[in-house]
N, C-alpha and C. Protein backbone atom coordinates (compact mmCIF):
# COMPACT_ATOMS: atom_id res chain seq x y z
N UNK A 1 -4.34 18.15 -8.36
CA UNK A 1 -4.03 17.40 -7.10
C UNK A 1 -2.75 17.18 -6.73
N UNK A 2 -2.54 17.11 -5.78
CA UNK A 2 -1.19 16.59 -5.40
C UNK A 2 -1.22 15.72 -4.26
N UNK A 3 -0.87 14.25 -3.85
CA UNK A 3 -1.16 13.52 -3.61
C UNK A 3 -0.02 13.11 -2.99
N UNK A 4 0.27 12.31 -1.04
CA UNK A 4 0.77 12.15 -0.95
C UNK A 4 1.01 10.75 -0.16
N UNK A 5 1.63 9.91 -0.12
CA UNK A 5 1.52 8.80 1.01
C UNK A 5 2.62 8.34 1.44
N UNK A 6 2.32 8.53 3.25
CA UNK A 6 4.07 8.10 4.60
C UNK A 6 3.07 6.42 4.81
N UNK A 7 4.70 5.86 4.40
CA UNK A 7 4.75 4.48 5.24
C UNK A 7 5.45 4.58 6.71
N UNK A 8 4.61 4.16 7.71
CA UNK A 8 5.26 4.19 8.87
C UNK A 8 5.18 3.10 9.33
N UNK A 9 6.37 1.88 9.98
CA UNK A 9 6.40 1.07 10.66
C UNK A 9 5.36 1.36 12.13
N UNK A 10 4.82 0.78 13.10
CA UNK A 10 4.37 0.88 13.76
C UNK A 10 4.70 -0.29 14.77
N UNK A 11 4.27 -0.56 15.71
CA UNK A 11 4.05 -1.33 17.33
C UNK A 11 3.79 -2.44 16.82
N UNK A 12 2.79 -2.55 16.38
CA UNK A 12 1.71 -3.71 15.97
C UNK A 12 1.44 -3.51 13.69
N UNK A 13 2.35 -2.94 13.50
CA UNK A 13 2.04 -3.29 11.98
C UNK A 13 2.56 -2.16 11.10
N UNK A 14 1.50 -1.51 10.15
CA UNK A 14 1.95 -0.11 9.65
C UNK A 14 0.66 0.88 9.64
N UNK A 15 1.12 1.65 9.57
CA UNK A 15 0.32 2.92 9.61
C UNK A 15 1.05 3.81 8.00
N UNK A 16 -0.52 3.83 7.10
CA UNK A 16 -0.32 4.99 6.24
C UNK A 16 -0.98 6.14 6.07
N UNK A 17 -0.52 7.39 5.84
CA UNK A 17 -1.28 8.40 5.83
C UNK A 17 -1.24 9.20 4.38
N UNK A 18 -2.34 9.16 4.07
CA UNK A 18 -2.52 10.09 2.75
C UNK A 18 -2.93 11.49 2.44
N UNK A 19 -2.50 11.64 2.17
CA UNK A 19 -2.82 13.59 2.25
C UNK A 19 -2.96 13.94 0.82
N UNK A 20 -3.51 14.77 0.45
CA UNK A 20 -4.66 15.38 -0.63
C UNK A 20 -4.60 16.99 -0.29
N UNK A 21 -3.72 17.75 -1.59
CA UNK A 21 -3.54 18.71 -1.54
C UNK A 21 -4.48 19.47 -3.04
N UNK A 22 -5.34 20.03 -2.61
CA UNK A 22 -6.25 20.63 -4.15
C UNK A 22 -6.08 22.12 -4.17
N UNK A 23 -6.36 22.15 -5.93
CA UNK A 23 -5.89 23.06 -6.51
C UNK A 23 -6.55 24.62 -5.89
N UNK A 24 -7.59 24.36 -5.17
CA UNK A 24 -8.40 25.29 -4.13
C UNK A 24 -7.72 25.89 -2.89
N UNK A 25 -6.80 25.05 -2.78
CA UNK A 25 -5.73 25.55 -1.36
C UNK A 25 -6.24 24.38 -0.50
N UNK A 26 -7.31 23.68 -1.15
CA UNK A 26 -7.66 22.63 0.82
C UNK A 26 -7.21 21.65 0.83
N UNK A 27 -7.24 21.16 1.64
CA UNK A 27 -6.71 19.49 1.86
C UNK A 27 -7.53 18.46 2.53
N UNK A 28 -6.85 17.53 2.84
CA UNK A 28 -7.04 16.82 3.47
C UNK A 28 -6.20 15.00 3.85
N UNK A 29 -6.77 14.68 4.77
CA UNK A 29 -5.83 13.20 5.16
C UNK A 29 -6.61 12.52 5.75
N UNK A 30 -6.09 10.99 5.19
CA UNK A 30 -6.46 9.84 6.39
C UNK A 30 -5.63 8.97 5.88
N UNK A 31 -5.86 8.06 7.19
CA UNK A 31 -4.79 6.93 8.15
C UNK A 31 -5.80 6.28 7.88
N UNK A 32 -4.51 5.01 7.79
CA UNK A 32 -5.03 3.73 7.64
C UNK A 32 -4.04 2.90 8.63
N UNK A 33 -4.88 1.90 9.29
CA UNK A 33 -3.29 1.01 9.91
C UNK A 33 -3.91 -0.71 9.80
N UNK A 34 -2.96 -1.11 9.04
CA UNK A 34 -3.01 -2.00 8.57
C UNK A 34 -2.04 -2.71 10.22
N UNK A 35 -2.81 -3.99 10.85
CA UNK A 35 -2.19 -5.02 11.32
C UNK A 35 -1.28 -5.56 11.15
N UNK A 36 0.12 -6.22 11.87
CA UNK A 36 0.64 -7.40 11.27
C UNK A 36 -0.23 -8.17 12.49
N UNK A 37 -0.77 -8.81 11.30
CA UNK A 37 -0.83 -11.00 11.59
C UNK A 37 0.22 -11.78 11.64
N UNK A 38 -0.13 -12.90 11.87
CA UNK A 38 0.71 -13.62 12.23
C UNK A 38 1.84 -14.34 11.58
N UNK A 39 0.90 -14.68 9.61
CA UNK A 39 1.46 -14.26 8.66
C UNK A 39 2.55 -13.27 7.74
N UNK A 40 4.12 -12.74 7.78
CA UNK A 40 4.09 -11.47 7.26
C UNK A 40 4.38 -11.11 6.04
N UNK A 41 4.26 -12.18 5.10
CA UNK A 41 4.01 -12.32 3.82
C UNK A 41 2.39 -12.11 3.48
N UNK A 42 1.39 -12.44 4.68
CA UNK A 42 0.26 -12.01 3.59
C UNK A 42 0.12 -10.56 4.55
N UNK A 43 0.15 -9.43 5.56
CA UNK A 43 1.01 -8.79 5.57
C UNK A 43 1.34 -7.57 4.32
N UNK A 44 3.04 -7.97 4.27
CA UNK A 44 3.15 -7.74 3.48
C UNK A 44 2.37 -7.44 2.02
N UNK A 45 1.49 -8.45 1.91
CA UNK A 45 0.22 -7.80 0.28
C UNK A 45 -0.51 -7.64 0.87
N UNK A 46 -0.83 -6.98 2.13
CA UNK A 46 -1.90 -5.98 2.27
C UNK A 46 -1.16 -4.56 2.28
N UNK A 47 -0.06 -4.07 2.90
CA UNK A 47 0.60 -2.80 2.40
C UNK A 47 0.77 -2.86 1.16
N UNK A 48 1.32 -4.01 0.83
CA UNK A 48 1.34 -3.58 -1.36
C UNK A 48 0.44 -3.29 -1.48
N UNK A 49 -0.40 -3.35 -1.33
CA UNK A 49 -1.90 -3.75 -2.58
C UNK A 49 -2.38 -2.46 -2.40
N UNK A 50 -2.76 -2.16 -0.15
CA UNK A 50 -2.81 -0.44 -0.79
C UNK A 50 -1.89 0.46 -1.17
N UNK A 51 -1.00 0.37 -1.11
CA UNK A 51 -0.26 1.29 -1.29
C UNK A 51 -0.51 1.67 -2.79
N UNK A 52 -0.68 0.26 -3.85
CA UNK A 52 -0.79 0.24 -4.62
C UNK A 52 -1.94 1.57 -4.89
N UNK A 53 -3.50 0.78 -4.39
CA UNK A 53 -4.64 1.19 -4.10
C UNK A 53 -4.76 3.23 -4.03
N UNK A 54 -3.90 3.94 -3.22
CA UNK A 54 -3.34 5.26 -2.62
C UNK A 54 -2.98 5.73 -3.61
N UNK A 55 -2.14 4.97 -4.72
CA UNK A 55 -1.66 6.05 -6.14
C UNK A 55 -2.26 5.10 -7.22
N UNK A 56 -3.30 4.38 -7.21
CA UNK A 56 -4.28 4.85 -8.26
C UNK A 56 -5.40 3.44 -9.01
N UNK A 57 -4.25 2.17 -8.46
CA UNK A 57 -4.09 1.14 -9.04
C UNK A 57 -5.52 0.18 -8.17
N UNK A 58 -6.66 0.33 -9.39
CA UNK A 58 -7.61 -0.38 -8.59
C UNK A 58 -8.00 -1.86 -9.12
N UNK A 59 -8.49 -2.97 -8.63
CA UNK A 59 -8.64 -3.98 -8.67
C UNK A 59 -9.37 -3.95 -9.94
N UNK A 60 -9.92 -4.51 -11.20
CA UNK A 60 -11.15 -4.86 -11.71
C UNK A 60 -12.11 -6.21 -11.80
N UNK A 61 -12.37 -6.31 -11.16
CA UNK A 61 -13.33 -7.30 -11.21
C UNK A 61 -13.28 -8.32 -12.21
N UNK A 62 -13.24 -8.36 -13.27
CA UNK A 62 -13.20 -8.70 -14.41
C UNK A 62 -12.21 -8.96 -15.44
N UNK A 63 -11.77 -8.04 -14.69
CA UNK A 63 -10.19 -8.03 -15.38
C UNK A 63 -9.19 -9.19 -15.44
N UNK A 64 -8.60 -9.15 -16.09
CA UNK A 64 -7.25 -10.26 -16.79
C UNK A 64 -6.38 -9.85 -16.37
N UNK A 65 -6.27 -8.90 -15.64
CA UNK A 65 -4.37 -7.55 -15.69
C UNK A 65 -4.82 -7.50 -13.97
N UNK A 66 -5.25 -8.12 -13.36
CA UNK A 66 -4.93 -7.51 -11.84
C UNK A 66 -3.41 -7.72 -11.34
N UNK A 67 -3.17 -6.65 -9.95
CA UNK A 67 -2.29 -7.45 -9.29
C UNK A 67 -1.52 -8.42 -8.40
N UNK A 68 -0.94 -9.31 -8.73
CA UNK A 68 -0.68 -10.29 -8.40
C UNK A 68 0.22 -10.58 -7.17
N UNK A 69 0.47 -10.48 -6.65
CA UNK A 69 2.14 -10.29 -5.52
C UNK A 69 2.11 -11.70 -4.62
N UNK A 70 3.28 -12.08 -5.23
CA UNK A 70 3.28 -13.17 -4.56
C UNK A 70 4.98 -13.89 -4.11
N UNK A 71 5.39 -14.81 -3.44
CA UNK A 71 6.02 -14.76 -2.50
C UNK A 71 7.19 -16.78 -3.46
N UNK A 72 7.37 -16.34 -4.52
CA UNK A 72 7.68 -17.34 -5.47
C UNK A 72 8.60 -17.65 -5.88
N UNK A 73 9.36 -17.06 -5.85
CA UNK A 73 10.91 -16.61 -6.86
C UNK A 73 11.77 -17.07 -5.78
N UNK A 74 12.71 -18.02 -6.22
CA UNK A 74 14.01 -17.76 -4.99
C UNK A 74 15.09 -16.33 -5.45
N UNK A 75 15.85 -16.23 -4.58
CA UNK A 75 15.95 -15.55 -4.50
C UNK A 75 17.72 -15.23 -5.03
N UNK A 76 18.08 -14.35 -5.32
CA UNK A 76 20.13 -14.74 -6.05
C UNK A 76 20.51 -13.93 -5.05
N UNK A 77 21.70 -14.44 -5.14
CA UNK A 77 23.35 -14.59 -4.29
C UNK A 77 23.54 -12.83 -4.75
N UNK A 78 24.02 -11.77 -3.39
CA UNK A 78 23.93 -10.49 -4.59
C UNK A 78 25.79 -10.23 -3.71
N UNK A 79 26.50 -9.95 -4.78
CA UNK A 79 27.87 -9.38 -4.00
C UNK A 79 28.61 -8.48 -4.04
């Protein structure tokens, strides 16, 4: 199986298009719209988690090593 995910910025948020091509020549496509909320950080977390899910990373309810996206690091100057 071959898969691809396309992320597009749309007027009210982001649109993710997942395409799957199977060995028998068939294919399918699913579209997910993530509406942008009042908090840009929360919207970005939702987008990144959805991308992780689309490539096979899933939350383990009882696991201790799940993805955790935070905005708690200081930036650094780039020259």
